[in-house]
Amino acid sequence: MQRRSRKVVVLLRKFLTCAICTIALVGLLSVHVHVFPPSRVSDLSDPYKLPTVTQLDGASGNLDFEKLWKPPSNRDIVHCVKPSSNYTAPGESRGYLLVHTNGGLNQMRAGVIRAAKSDSRLANNNLPPDIQKLRCRACYEALRFAPAIEAMGKLLVDRMRSYGPFIALHLRYEKDMLAFSGCTHGLSNAEAEELKTIRENTPYWKVKEIDAREQRHKGLCPLTPKEVGIFLRALGYPSNTPIYIAAGEIYGGDTHMADLRSRYPMLMSKEKLTSVEELEPFINHASQMAALDYIVSVESDVFIPTYSGNMARAVEGHRRYLGHRKTISPDRKALVRLFDKLEKRILKEGPKLSNRARVSEEEKRSCLRNKGHG
């Protein structure tokens, strides 16, 4: 019995060995002499099996083109503000919202709407993204100027464009600004005394005693017209650059504007770009005149504020919202040191000053980006 069992096992082993060798031989031949016809991808019934070779041109290469552009599922995410069941969509407009402001240095205080904290940042810390977007759309799309103001603003922009690319210079060298900030650099003793009197007689300005020299060296003073001219030249702007002065009446008038005008003769303003008749509807309304400056500043090729006030920050934020249009915010604290060296003849205007001015601007932009102001 044992011998017979061993013979059966040996025979089975030989049979299995022959079968394996035969299968291996057939497989080898199928590779080299194509014993079996090649399979075709299109004949595969599995809809999830991907082809190894495809063509992307022509109708034959259209691999569910529509699927590539199909929007993804919303994953049950809904708008952060969902109207209640009592909400009804408005029909025709019943008019418009009138916002009363008192203008001047407190222009952000409003009688109907409190519009504070509208600054150059497109995002405020710790607010949900949808609220950030809503804030931008409300400030820069929903809120509009009256049609007459927008039409005049567009006219001013078109007339500035006729001179070519232009700078909008928000020159905060007005009497109320200088009196409020206590900045008197470059002024006569009589002018400094006049500003001090204005500050002392304005009850809602709490700070009365201000060290003008300390204020300036802290970078808390607006650049003077003369300093602006030096700064623009250092940045490389040619003397034929058109400049729109976005400001009210400059303190000291032509006396303080002479140096800037000698460097850049093409100084324009709304008063110069329009006729008396065109500007007459706005001339006695300070807020409307400021609105015209705002429109031109937003649409300018380059916007340069000499002081970081409410309007400057609002314009800068608006320009970022519209596509990060170029805005140059001078580093006043760093520039004061350079201007003082020029006055003491330690430094001269030229390549060295230009390099330092540009470096200070790049450092300022880097600082703003790191703080999240972009």
Foldseek 3Di string as FASTA:
>chain_A
DVVVVVVVVVVVVVVVVVVVVVVVVVVVCCVPVVPDPDDDPVPDPDPPDDDPDADCDDPRNCDVVVVVVDDDDPVPDDDPDDDDPPDDDDDDDPDDDDWDAPDDQRRQPIPPDRNPPQFQFLDDPPDDPNVSVVVLCVLQPVDDDDPLLVVLLVLVLVLLCVLPAAEEEAQPQDLQQCLLLLAQPPHDPVSSVVSLVVNVPPVVSPDRDDDNVVCQLVLNHFDFLLLVQLLCVLQPDQQAHAYEHLYDQHVPHCVRNVNNCVSHVNYHYSPRSDDCVSCVVPPVPVVSSNSSSLSNQLPHQEYEYRHRGDSNGNSNNNNVVVPNRHYFYFSSNQSVVVVVCVVVVVDDRDNVSSVSRVVRRVVVVVVCVVVNSD
